[in-house]
C-alpha cells in the first residue's frame, strides 16, 4: 500500500491557505494575525514531517533488529545441528577452531 502522507499534508496546507485567504477577504481575520496563523501552520507542517521521518527511521531500525534476531536464531540452530552430527573428536577440533578464531578476532 503506497504512503500518501506527503500528499495529505500538502492538501491540508493548501486547504488552510485557501481558508485563510477567504477569511482575510471577507474580513473575518484581521491582517495583523496573518503572520501568527502562517507560523502556526508552518509549525504544524514541520512537526508532521518530523513525525513521518522519525516513524520511517524507527521502522527501518526495527526491521534491522528483526533481521539480526532471525540471523542469530538461524546461527544457533545451525550450531546445534552441527554439534549433533559431529563425533566427540570432531567436536573438540571444532571448538579449538572456534577458540582460535575468537583469539584472532575478539568480536567473533
PDB file of N, CA and C in Angstrom:
ATOM      1  N   UNK A   1       0.839  -1.172   0.000  1.00  0.00           N
ATOM      2  CA  UNK A   1       0.000   0.000   0.000  1.00  0.00           C
ATOM      3  C   UNK A   1       0.889   1.241   0.000  1.00  0.00           C
ATOM      4  N   UNK A   2       0.705   2.138  -0.970  1.00  0.00           N
ATOM      5  CA  UNK A   2       1.562   3.325  -1.038  1.00  0.00           C
ATOM      6  C   UNK A   2       1.282   4.276   0.116  1.00  0.00           C
ATOM      7  N   UNK A   3       2.300   5.054   0.432  1.00  0.00           N
ATOM      8  CA  UNK A   3       2.190   6.013   1.518  1.00  0.00           C
ATOM      9  C   UNK A   3       1.891   7.382   0.916  1.00  0.00           C
ATOM     10  N   UNK A   4       0.691   7.896   1.167  1.00  0.00           N
ATOM     11  CA  UNK A   4       0.270   9.178   0.616  1.00  0.00           C
ATOM     12  C   UNK A   4       0.324  10.294   1.652  1.00  0.00           C
ATOM     13  N   UNK A   5       1.101  10.123   2.701  1.00  0.00           N
ATOM     14  CA  UNK A   5       1.137  11.100   3.778  1.00  0.00           C
ATOM     15  C   UNK A   5       1.585  12.469   3.276  1.00  0.00           C
ATOM     16  N   UNK A   6       2.569  12.514   2.386  1.00  0.00           N
ATOM     17  CA  UNK A   6       3.031  13.795   1.850  1.00  0.00           C
ATOM     18  C   UNK A   6       1.914  14.512   1.107  1.00  0.00           C
ATOM     19  N   UNK A   7       1.150  13.764   0.352  1.00  0.00           N
ATOM     20  CA  UNK A   7       0.053  14.360  -0.403  1.00  0.00           C
ATOM     21  C   UNK A   7      -1.011  14.885   0.550  1.00  0.00           C
ATOM     22  N   UNK A   8      -1.323  14.134   1.598  1.00  0.00           N
ATOM     23  CA  UNK A   8      -2.316  14.586   2.566  1.00  0.00           C
ATOM     24  C   UNK A   8      -1.871  15.883   3.247  1.00  0.00           C
ATOM     25  N   UNK A   9      -0.612  15.944   3.630  1.00  0.00           N
ATOM     26  CA  UNK A   9      -0.107  17.154   4.276  1.00  0.00           C
ATOM     27  C   UNK A   9      -0.194  18.338   3.317  1.00  0.00           C
ATOM     28  N   UNK A  10       0.190  18.123   2.053  1.00  0.00           N
ATOM     29  CA  UNK A  10       0.119  19.200   1.066  1.00  0.00           C
ATOM     30  C   UNK A  10      -1.318  19.670   0.863  1.00  0.00           C
ATOM     31  N   UNK A  11      -2.253  18.735   0.807  1.00  0.00           N
ATOM     32  CA  UNK A  11      -3.660  19.101   0.636  1.00  0.00           C
ATOM     33  C   UNK A  11      -4.191  19.868   1.850  1.00  0.00           C
ATOM     34  N   UNK A  12      -3.804  19.448   3.035  1.00  0.00           N
ATOM     35  CA  UNK A  12      -4.245  20.140   4.247  1.00  0.00           C
ATOM     36  C   UNK A  12      -3.687  21.556   4.280  1.00  0.00           C
ATOM     37  N   UNK A  13      -2.401  21.708   3.926  1.00  0.00           N
ATOM     38  CA  UNK A  13      -1.802  23.039   3.907  1.00  0.00           C
ATOM     39  C   UNK A  13      -2.446  23.924   2.840  1.00  0.00           C
ATOM     40  N   UNK A  14      -2.729  23.349   1.680  1.00  0.00           N
ATOM     41  CA  UNK A  14      -3.392  24.116   0.620  1.00  0.00           C
ATOM     42  C   UNK A  14      -4.790  24.532   1.074  1.00  0.00           C
ATOM     43  N   UNK A  15      -5.508  23.626   1.704  1.00  0.00           N
ATOM     44  CA  UNK A  15      -6.837  23.957   2.225  1.00  0.00           C
ATOM     45  C   UNK A  15      -6.774  25.048   3.277  1.00  0.00           C
ATOM     46  N   UNK A  16      -5.773  24.971   4.165  1.00  0.00           N
ATOM     47  CA  UNK A  16      -5.617  26.006   5.188  1.00  0.00           C
ATOM     48  C   UNK A  16      -5.297  27.350   4.547  1.00  0.00           C
ATOM     49  N   UNK A  17      -4.443  27.342   3.519  1.00  0.00           N
ATOM     50  CA  UNK A  17      -4.100  28.589   2.834  1.00  0.00           C
ATOM     51  C   UNK A  17      -5.333  29.203   2.174  1.00  0.00           C
ATOM     52  N   UNK A  18      -6.166  28.378   1.550  1.00  0.00           N
ATOM     53  CA  UNK A  18      -7.396  28.877   0.923  1.00  0.00           C
ATOM     54  C   UNK A  18      -8.334  29.425   1.983  1.00  0.00           C
ATOM     55  N   UNK A  19      -8.475  28.716   3.115  1.00  0.00           N
ATOM     56  CA  UNK A  19      -9.349  29.181   4.197  1.00  0.00           C
ATOM     57  C   UNK A  19      -8.858  30.515   4.756  1.00  0.00           C
ATOM     58  N   UNK A  20      -7.565  30.673   4.921  1.00  0.00           N
ATOM     59  CA  UNK A  20      -7.012  31.932   5.428  1.00  0.00           C
ATOM     60  C   UNK A  20      -7.265  33.050   4.427  1.00  0.00           C
ATOM     61  N   UNK A  21      -7.034  32.769   3.145  1.00  0.00           N
ATOM     62  CA  UNK A  21      -7.263  33.778   2.115  1.00  0.00           C
ATOM     63  C   UNK A  21      -8.720  34.238   2.125  1.00  0.00           C
ATOM     64  N   UNK A  22      -9.639  33.265   2.176  1.00  0.00           N
ATOM     65  CA  UNK A  22     -11.061  33.622   2.193  1.00  0.00           C
ATOM     66  C   UNK A  22     -11.433  34.391   3.451  1.00  0.00           C
ATOM     67  N   UNK A  23     -10.874  33.988   4.606  1.00  0.00           N
ATOM     68  CA  UNK A  23     -11.171  34.694   5.856  1.00  0.00           C
ATOM     69  C   UNK A  23     -10.651  36.121   5.806  1.00  0.00           C
ATOM     70  N   UNK A  24      -9.506  36.323   5.189  1.00  0.00           N
ATOM     71  CA  UNK A  24      -8.978  37.685   5.037  1.00  0.00           C
ATOM     72  C   UNK A  24      -9.853  38.514   4.096  1.00  0.00           C
ATOM     73  N   UNK A  25     -10.323  37.909   3.007  1.00  0.00           N
ATOM     74  CA  UNK A  25     -11.128  38.629   2.011  1.00  0.00           C
ATOM     75  C   UNK A  25     -12.479  39.070   2.569  1.00  0.00           C
ATOM     76  N   UNK A  26     -13.074  38.248   3.433  1.00  0.00           N
ATOM     77  CA  UNK A  26     -14.391  38.626   3.958  1.00  0.00           C
ATOM     78  C   UNK A  26     -14.271  39.414   5.263  1.00  0.00           C
ATOM     79  N   UNK A  27     -13.040  39.608   5.726  1.00  0.00           N
ATOM     80  CA  UNK A  27     -12.832  40.417   6.917  1.00  0.00           C
ATOM     81  C   UNK A  27     -12.997  39.658   8.218  1.00  0.00           C
ATOM     82  N   UNK A  28     -13.051  38.349   8.190  1.00  0.00           N
ATOM     83  CA  UNK A  28     -13.225  37.555   9.409  1.00  0.00           C
ATOM     84  C   UNK A  28     -11.911  37.382  10.165  1.00  0.00           C
ATOM     85  N   UNK A  29     -10.814  37.674   9.501  1.00  0.00           N
ATOM     86  CA  UNK A  29      -9.495  37.503  10.107  1.00  0.00           C
ATOM     87  C   UNK A  29      -8.735  38.821   9.966  1.00  0.00           C
ATOM     88  N   UNK A  30      -8.353  39.432  11.065  1.00  0.00           N
ATOM     89  CA  UNK A  30      -7.620  40.697  10.953  1.00  0.00           C
ATOM     90  C   UNK A  30      -6.253  40.478  10.328  1.00  0.00           C
ATOM     91  N   UNK A  31      -5.781  41.443   9.554  1.00  0.00           N
ATOM     92  CA  UNK A  31      -4.497  41.319   8.852  1.00  0.00           C
ATOM     93  C   UNK A  31      -3.330  41.167   9.821  1.00  0.00           C
ATOM     94  N   UNK A  32      -3.425  41.707  11.017  1.00  0.00           N
ATOM     95  CA  UNK A  32      -2.331  41.602  11.993  1.00  0.00           C
ATOM     96  C   UNK A  32      -2.118  40.167  12.464  1.00  0.00           C
ATOM     97  N   UNK A  33      -3.115  39.333  12.390  1.00  0.00           N
ATOM     98  CA  UNK A  33      -2.979  37.951  12.867  1.00  0.00           C
ATOM     99  C   UNK A  33      -2.432  37.017  11.796  1.00  0.00           C
ATOM    100  N   UNK A  34      -2.296  37.495  10.565  1.00  0.00           N
ATOM    101  CA  UNK A  34      -1.843  36.651   9.468  1.00  0.00           C
ATOM    102  C   UNK A  34      -0.473  36.003   9.737  1.00  0.00           C
ATOM    103  N   UNK A  35       0.548  36.741  10.200  1.00  0.00           N
ATOM    104  CA  UNK A  35       1.834  36.077  10.465  1.00  0.00           C
ATOM    105  C   UNK A  35       1.723  34.963  11.509  1.00  0.00           C
ATOM    106  N   UNK A  36       0.889  35.146  12.508  1.00  0.00           N
ATOM    107  CA  UNK A  36       0.720  34.119  13.544  1.00  0.00           C
ATOM    108  C   UNK A  36       0.073  32.869  12.968  1.00  0.00           C
ATOM    109  N   UNK A  37      -0.910  33.064  12.143  1.00  0.00           N
ATOM    110  CA  UNK A  37      -1.595  31.931  11.531  1.00  0.00           C
ATOM    111  C   UNK A  37      -0.645  31.165  10.611  1.00  0.00           C
ATOM    112  N   UNK A  38       0.101  31.901   9.791  1.00  0.00           N
ATOM    113  CA  UNK A  38       1.039  31.259   8.865  1.00  0.00           C
ATOM    114  C   UNK A  38       2.120  30.508   9.649  1.00  0.00           C
ATOM    115  N   UNK A  39       2.635  31.117  10.706  1.00  0.00           N
ATOM    116  CA  UNK A  39       3.664  30.455  11.520  1.00  0.00           C
ATOM    117  C   UNK A  39       3.113  29.200  12.183  1.00  0.00           C
ATOM    118  N   UNK A  40       1.882  29.252  12.625  1.00  0.00           N
ATOM    119  CA  UNK A  40       1.266  28.074  13.252  1.00  0.00           C
ATOM    120  C   UNK A  40       1.127  26.938  12.244  1.00  0.00           C
ATOM    121  N   UNK A  41       0.685  27.260  11.061  1.00  0.00           N
ATOM    122  CA  UNK A  41       0.528  26.232  10.030  1.00  0.00           C
ATOM    123  C   UNK A  41       1.889  25.648   9.654  1.00  0.00           C
ATOM    124  N   UNK A  42       2.896  26.509   9.521  1.00  0.00           N
ATOM    125  CA  UNK A  42       4.237  26.025   9.203  1.00  0.00           C
ATOM    126  C   UNK A  42       4.768  25.119  10.313  1.00  0.00           C
ATOM    127  N   UNK A  43       4.499  25.472  11.558  1.00  0.00           N
ATOM    128  CA  UNK A  43       4.930  24.638  12.681  1.00  0.00           C
ATOM    129  C   UNK A  43       4.260  23.279  12.672  1.00  0.00           C
ATOM    130  N   UNK A  44       2.983  23.269  12.403  1.00  0.00           N
ATOM    131  CA  UNK A  44       2.250  22.001  12.342  1.00  0.00           C
ATOM    132  C   UNK A  44       2.778  21.133  11.202  1.00  0.00           C
ATOM    133  N   UNK A  45       3.036  21.770  10.059  1.00  0.00           N
ATOM    134  CA  UNK A  45       3.560  21.019   8.913  1.00  0.00           C
ATOM    135  C   UNK A  45       4.945  20.455   9.237  1.00  0.00           C
ATOM    136  N   UNK A  46       5.792  21.275   9.862  1.00  0.00           N
ATOM    137  CA  UNK A  46       7.136  20.807  10.223  1.00  0.00           C
ATOM    138  C   UNK A  46       7.078  19.646  11.193  1.00  0.00           C
ATOM    139  N   UNK A  47       6.191  19.736  12.178  1.00  0.00           N
ATOM    140  CA  UNK A  47       6.047  18.654  13.146  1.00  0.00           C
ATOM    141  C   UNK A  47       5.559  17.379  12.469  1.00  0.00           C
ATOM    142  N   UNK A  48       4.636  17.512  11.540  1.00  0.00           N
ATOM    143  CA  UNK A  48       4.113  16.345  10.823  1.00  0.00           C
ATOM    144  C   UNK A  48       5.206  15.675  10.004  1.00  0.00           C
ATOM    145  N   UNK A  49       6.007  16.487   9.333  1.00  0.00           N
ATOM    146  CA  UNK A  49       7.093  15.937   8.531  1.00  0.00           C
ATOM    147  C   UNK A  49       8.116  15.252   9.430  1.00  0.00           C
ATOM    148  N   UNK A  50       8.431  15.873  10.572  1.00  0.00           N
ATOM    149  CA  UNK A  50       9.372  15.271  11.515  1.00  0.00           C
ATOM    150  C   UNK A  50       8.858  13.918  11.998  1.00  0.00           C
ATOM    151  N   UNK A  51       7.573  13.851  12.336  1.00  0.00           N
ATOM    152  CA  UNK A  51       6.984  12.588  12.804  1.00  0.00           C
ATOM    153  C   UNK A  51       7.064  11.497  11.742  1.00  0.00           C
ATOM    154  N   UNK A  52       6.812  11.872  10.484  1.00  0.00           N
ATOM    155  CA  UNK A  52       6.888  10.891   9.395  1.00  0.00           C
ATOM    156  C   UNK A  52       8.309  10.361   9.252  1.00  0.00           C
ATOM    157  N   UNK A  53       9.285  11.246   9.266  1.00  0.00           N
ATOM    158  CA  UNK A  53      10.675  10.814   9.115  1.00  0.00           C
ATOM    159  C   UNK A  53      11.108   9.965  10.301  1.00  0.00           C
ATOM    160  N   UNK A  54      10.683  10.337  11.495  1.00  0.00           N
ATOM    161  CA  UNK A  54      11.026   9.555  12.680  1.00  0.00           C
ATOM    162  C   UNK A  54      10.401   8.166  12.609  1.00  0.00           C
ATOM    163  N   UNK A  55       9.140   8.094  12.182  1.00  0.00           N
ATOM    164  CA  UNK A  55       8.472   6.798  12.062  1.00  0.00           C
ATOM    165  C   UNK A  55       9.183   5.918  11.039  1.00  0.00           C
ATOM    166  N   UNK A  56       9.605   6.515   9.926  1.00  0.00           N
ATOM    167  CA  UNK A  56      10.319   5.742   8.910  1.00  0.00           C
ATOM    168  C   UNK A  56      11.653   5.237   9.457  1.00  0.00           C
ATOM    169  N   UNK A  57      12.347   6.079  10.213  1.00  0.00           N
ATOM    170  CA  UNK A  57      13.620   5.665  10.806  1.00  0.00           C
ATOM    171  C   UNK A  57      13.440   4.550  11.820  1.00  0.00           C
ATOM    172  N   UNK A  58      12.413   4.670  12.655  1.00  0.00           N
ATOM    173  CA  UNK A  58      12.147   3.633  13.653  1.00  0.00           C
ATOM    174  C   UNK A  58      11.750   2.319  12.984  1.00  0.00           C
ATOM    175  N   UNK A  59      10.991   2.421  11.903  1.00  0.00           N
ATOM    176  CA  UNK A  59      10.589   1.207  11.178  1.00  0.00           C
ATOM    177  C   UNK A  59      11.809   0.507  10.594  1.00  0.00           C
ATOM    178  N   UNK A  60      12.715   1.288  10.003  1.00  0.00           N
ATOM    179  CA  UNK A  60      13.931   0.703   9.436  1.00  0.00           C
ATOM    180  C   UNK A  60      14.786   0.066  10.524  1.00  0.00           C
ATOM    181  N   UNK A  61      14.872   0.725  11.681  1.00  0.00           N
ATOM    182  CA  UNK A  61      15.653   0.180  12.797  1.00  0.00           C
ATOM    183  C   UNK A  61      15.038  -1.124  13.303  1.00  0.00           C
ATOM    184  N   UNK A  62      13.720  -1.162  13.402  1.00  0.00           N
ATOM    185  CA  UNK A  62      13.034  -2.371  13.849  1.00  0.00           C
ATOM    186  C   UNK A  62      13.248  -3.518  12.861  1.00  0.00           C
ATOM    187  N   UNK A  63      13.166  -3.217  11.566  1.00  0.00           N
ATOM    188  CA  UNK A  63      13.395  -4.254  10.567  1.00  0.00           C
ATOM    189  C   UNK A  63      14.818  -4.803  10.670  1.00  0.00           C
ATOM    190  N   UNK A  64      15.787  -3.924  10.905  1.00  0.00           N
ATOM    191  CA  UNK A  64      17.176  -4.356  11.044  1.00  0.00           C
ATOM    192  C   UNK A  64      17.334  -5.261  12.267  1.00  0.00           C
ATOM    193  N   UNK A  65      16.700  -4.879  13.374  1.00  0.00           N
ATOM    194  CA  UNK A  65      16.784  -5.703  14.587  1.00  0.00           C
ATOM    195  C   UNK A  65      16.126  -7.060  14.372  1.00  0.00           C
ATOM    196  N   UNK A  66      15.009  -7.077  13.645  1.00  0.00           N
ATOM    197  CA  UNK A  66      14.344  -8.346  13.360  1.00  0.00           C
ATOM    198  C   UNK A  66      15.221  -9.240  12.494  1.00  0.00           C
ATOM    199  N   UNK A  67      15.902  -8.651  11.513  1.00  0.00           N
ATOM    200  CA  UNK A  67      16.815  -9.423  10.665  1.00  0.00           C
ATOM    201  C   UNK A  67      17.951 -10.007  11.488  1.00  0.00           C
ATOM    202  N   UNK A  68      18.500  -9.197  12.398  1.00  0.00           N
ATOM    203  CA  UNK A  68      19.596  -9.677  13.237  1.00  0.00           C
ATOM    204  C   UNK A  68      19.135 -10.808  14.143  1.00  0.00           C
ATOM    205  N   UNK A  69      17.938 -10.674  14.701  1.00  0.00           N
ATOM    206  CA  UNK A  69      17.411 -11.719  15.576  1.00  0.00           C
ATOM    207  C   UNK A  69      17.185 -13.015  14.790  1.00  0.00           C
ATOM    208  N   UNK A  70      16.674 -12.883  13.582  1.00  0.00           N
ATOM    209  CA  UNK A  70      16.441 -14.063  12.748  1.00  0.00           C
ATOM    210  C   UNK A  70      17.774 -14.738  12.394  1.00  0.00           C
ATOM    211  N   UNK A  71      18.770 -13.922  12.057  1.00  0.00           N
ATOM    212  CA  UNK A  71      20.089 -14.481  11.725  1.00  0.00           C
ATOM    213  C   UNK A  71      20.692 -15.181  12.939  1.00  0.00           C
ATOM    214  N   UNK A  72      20.496 -14.598  14.118  1.00  0.00           N
ATOM    215  CA  UNK A  72      21.022 -15.210  15.343  1.00  0.00           C
ATOM    216  C   UNK A  72      20.332 -16.550  15.615  1.00  0.00           C
ATOM    217  N   UNK A  73      19.024 -16.605  15.389  1.00  0.00           N
ATOM    218  CA  UNK A  73      18.291 -17.865  15.564  1.00  0.00           C
ATOM    219  C   UNK A  73      18.782 -18.929  14.584  1.00  0.00           C
ATOM    220  N   UNK A  74      18.971 -18.525  13.342  1.00  0.00           N
ATOM    221  CA  UNK A  74      19.454 -19.469  12.326  1.00  0.00           C
ATOM    222  C   UNK A  74      20.848 -19.960  12.699  1.00  0.00           C
ATOM    223  N   UNK A  75      21.687 -19.035  13.153  1.00  0.00           N
ATOM    224  CA  UNK A  75      23.057 -19.405  13.540  1.00  0.00           C
ATOM    225  C   UNK A  75      23.034 -20.395  14.713  1.00  0.00           C
ATOM    226  N   UNK A  76      22.191 -20.121  15.703  1.00  0.00           N
ATOM    227  CA  UNK A  76      22.083 -21.026  16.850  1.00  0.00           C
ATOM    228  C   UNK A  76      21.568 -22.395  16.450  1.00  0.00           C
ATOM    229  N   UNK A  77      20.608 -22.410  15.548  1.00  0.00           N
ATOM    230  CA  UNK A  77      20.060 -23.679  15.073  1.00  0.00           C
ATOM    231  C   UNK A  77      21.115 -24.472  14.315  1.00  0.00           C
ATOM    232  N   UNK A  78      21.872 -23.763  13.485  1.00  0.00           N
ATOM    233  CA  UNK A  78      22.928 -24.443  12.724  1.00  0.00           C
ATOM    234  C   UNK A  78      23.991 -25.006  13.663  1.00  0.00           C
ATOM    235  N   UNK A  79      24.338 -24.249  14.702  1.00  0.00           N
ATOM    236  CA  UNK A  79      25.341 -24.739  15.654  1.00  0.00           C
ATOM    237  C   UNK A  79      24.866 -26.010  16.341  1.00  0.00           C
ATOM    238  N   UNK A  80      23.593 -26.042  16.734  1.00  0.00           N
ATOM    239  CA  UNK A  80      23.094 -27.239  17.412  1.00  0.00           C
ATOM    240  C   UNK A  80      23.034 -28.430  16.456  1.00  0.00           C
ATOM    241  N   UNK A  81      22.680 -28.171  15.204  1.00  0.00           N
ATOM    242  CA  UNK A  81      22.634 -29.260  14.220  1.00  0.00           C
ATOM    243  C   UNK A  81      24.040 -29.792  13.944  1.00  0.00           C
ATOM    244  N   UNK A  82      25.013 -28.879  13.850  1.00  0.00           N
ATOM    245  CA  UNK A  82      26.397 -29.307  13.613  1.00  0.00           C
ATOM    246  C   UNK A  82      26.889 -30.141  14.792  1.00  0.00           C
ATOM    247  N   UNK A  83      26.607 -29.659  15.996  1.00  0.00           N
ATOM    248  CA  UNK A  83      27.053 -30.391  17.191  1.00  0.00           C
ATOM    249  C   UNK A  83      26.455 -31.784  17.261  1.00  0.00           C
ATOM    250  N   UNK A  84      25.227 -31.918  16.810  1.00  0.00           N
ATOM    251  CA  UNK A  84      24.562 -33.224  16.918  1.00  0.00           C
ATOM    252  C   UNK A  84      25.133 -34.258  15.946  1.00  0.00           C
ATOM    253  N   UNK A  85      25.734 -33.819  14.843  1.00  0.00           N
ATOM    254  CA  UNK A  85      26.233 -34.797  13.868  1.00  0.00           C
ATOM    255  C   UNK A  85      27.738 -35.049  13.967  1.00  0.00           C
ATOM    256  N   UNK A  86      28.432 -34.224  14.744  1.00  0.00           N
ATOM    257  CA  UNK A  86      29.882 -34.420  14.869  1.00  0.00           C
ATOM    258  C   UNK A  86      30.212 -35.470  15.926  1.00  0.00           C
ATOM    259  N   UNK A  87      31.289 -36.171  15.682  1.00  0.00           N
ATOM    260  CA  UNK A  87      31.790 -37.110  16.686  1.00  0.00           C
ATOM    261  C   UNK A  87      32.468 -36.291  17.789  1.00  0.00           C
ATOM    262  N   UNK A  88      32.694 -36.893  18.963  1.00  0.00           N
ATOM    263  CA  UNK A  88      33.357 -36.147  20.040  1.00  0.00           C
ATOM    264  C   UNK A  88      34.717 -35.579  19.624  1.00  0.00           C
ATOM    265  N   UNK A  89      35.469 -36.340  18.835  1.00  0.00           N
ATOM    266  CA  UNK A  89      36.776 -35.855  18.369  1.00  0.00           C
ATOM    267  C   UNK A  89      36.602 -34.643  17.447  1.00  0.00           C
ATOM    268  N   UNK A  90      35.613 -34.721  16.555  1.00  0.00           N
ATOM    269  CA  UNK A  90      35.350 -33.604  15.649  1.00  0.00           C
ATOM    270  C   UNK A  90      34.846 -32.373  16.419  1.00  0.00           C
ATOM    271  N   UNK A  91      34.054 -32.619  17.456  1.00  0.00           N
ATOM    272  CA  UNK A  91      33.570 -31.502  18.264  1.00  0.00           C
ATOM    273  C   UNK A  91      34.720 -30.787  18.958  1.00  0.00           C
ATOM    274  N   UNK A  92      35.697 -31.548  19.474  1.00  0.00           N
ATOM    275  CA  UNK A  92      36.859 -30.926  20.107  1.00  0.00           C
ATOM    276  C   UNK A  92      37.636 -30.082  19.100  1.00  0.00           C
ATOM    277  N   UNK A  93      37.807 -30.634  17.908  1.00  0.00           N
ATOM    278  CA  UNK A  93      38.543 -29.905  16.869  1.00  0.00           C
ATOM    279  C   UNK A  93      37.772 -28.636  16.490  1.00  0.00           C
ATOM    280  N   UNK A  94      36.472 -28.749  16.393  1.00  0.00           N
ATOM    281  CA  UNK A  94      35.634 -27.598  16.048  1.00  0.00           C
ATOM    282  C   UNK A  94      35.737 -26.515  17.132  1.00  0.00           C
ATOM    283  N   UNK A  95      35.693 -26.951  18.394  1.00  0.00           N
ATOM    284  CA  UNK A  95      35.820 -25.996  19.496  1.00  0.00           C
ATOM    285  C   UNK A  95      37.175 -25.292  19.458  1.00  0.00           C
ATOM    286  N   UNK A  96      38.242 -26.051  19.162  1.00  0.00           N
ATOM    287  CA  UNK A  96      39.566 -25.426  19.102  1.00  0.00           C
ATOM    288  C   UNK A  96      39.649 -24.448  17.927  1.00  0.00           C
ATOM    289  N   UNK A  97      39.006 -24.766  16.829  1.00  0.00           N
ATOM    290  CA  UNK A  97      38.975 -23.843  15.688  1.00  0.00           C
ATOM    291  C   UNK A  97      38.209 -22.573  16.049  1.00  0.00           C
ATOM    292  N   UNK A  98      37.080 -22.732  16.751  1.00  0.00           N
ATOM    293  CA  UNK A  98      36.305 -21.566  17.176  1.00  0.00           C
ATOM    294  C   UNK A  98      37.113 -20.703  18.138  1.00  0.00           C
ATOM    295  N   UNK A  99      37.826 -21.337  19.051  1.00  0.00           N
ATOM    296  CA  UNK A  99      38.639 -20.601  20.019  1.00  0.00           C
ATOM    297  C   UNK A  99      39.751 -19.830  19.295  1.00  0.00           C
ATOM    298  N   UNK A 100      40.359 -20.452  18.301  1.00  0.00           N
ATOM    299  CA  UNK A 100      41.392 -19.780  17.520  1.00  0.00           C
ATOM    300  C   UNK A 100      40.841 -18.568  16.788  1.00  0.00           C
ATOM    301  N   UNK A 101      39.641 -18.705  16.253  1.00  0.00           N
ATOM    302  CA  UNK A 101      39.012 -17.586  15.557  1.00  0.00           C
ATOM    303  C   UNK A 101      38.683 -16.462  16.541  1.00  0.00           C
ATOM    304  N   UNK A 102      38.260 -16.809  17.757  1.00  0.00           N
ATOM    305  CA  UNK A 102      37.959 -15.795  18.769  1.00  0.00           C
ATOM    306  C   UNK A 102      39.234 -15.094  19.236  1.00  0.00           C
ATOM    307  N   UNK A 103      40.337 -15.831  19.301  1.00  0.00           N
ATOM    308  CA  UNK A 103      41.604 -15.205  19.694  1.00  0.00           C
ATOM    309  C   UNK A 103      42.056 -14.191  18.651  1.00  0.00           C
ATOM    310  N   UNK A 104      41.850 -14.526  17.380  1.00  0.00           N
ATOM    311  CA  UNK A 104      42.259 -13.620  16.303  1.00  0.00           C
ATOM    312  C   UNK A 104      41.321 -12.427  16.178  1.00  0.00           C
ATOM    313  N   UNK A 105      40.036 -12.650  16.423  1.00  0.00           N
ATOM    314  CA  UNK A 105      39.037 -11.591  16.284  1.00  0.00           C
ATOM    315  C   UNK A 105      38.140 -11.608  17.520  1.00  0.00           C
ATOM    316  N   UNK A 106      38.387 -10.742  18.495  1.00  0.00           N
ATOM    317  CA  UNK A 106      37.605 -10.766  19.735  1.00  0.00           C
ATOM    318  C   UNK A 106      36.112 -10.506  19.533  1.00  0.00           C
ATOM    319  N   UNK A 107      35.731  -9.882  18.444  1.00  0.00           N
ATOM    320  CA  UNK A 107      34.305  -9.613  18.189  1.00  0.00           C
ATOM    321  C   UNK A 107      33.572 -10.832  17.667  1.00  0.00           C
ATOM    322  N   UNK A 108      34.300 -11.906  17.317  1.00  0.00           N
ATOM    323  CA  UNK A 108      33.702 -13.089  16.729  1.00  0.00           C
ATOM    324  C   UNK A 108      32.841 -13.805  17.726  1.00  0.00           C
TER     325      UNK A 108
END
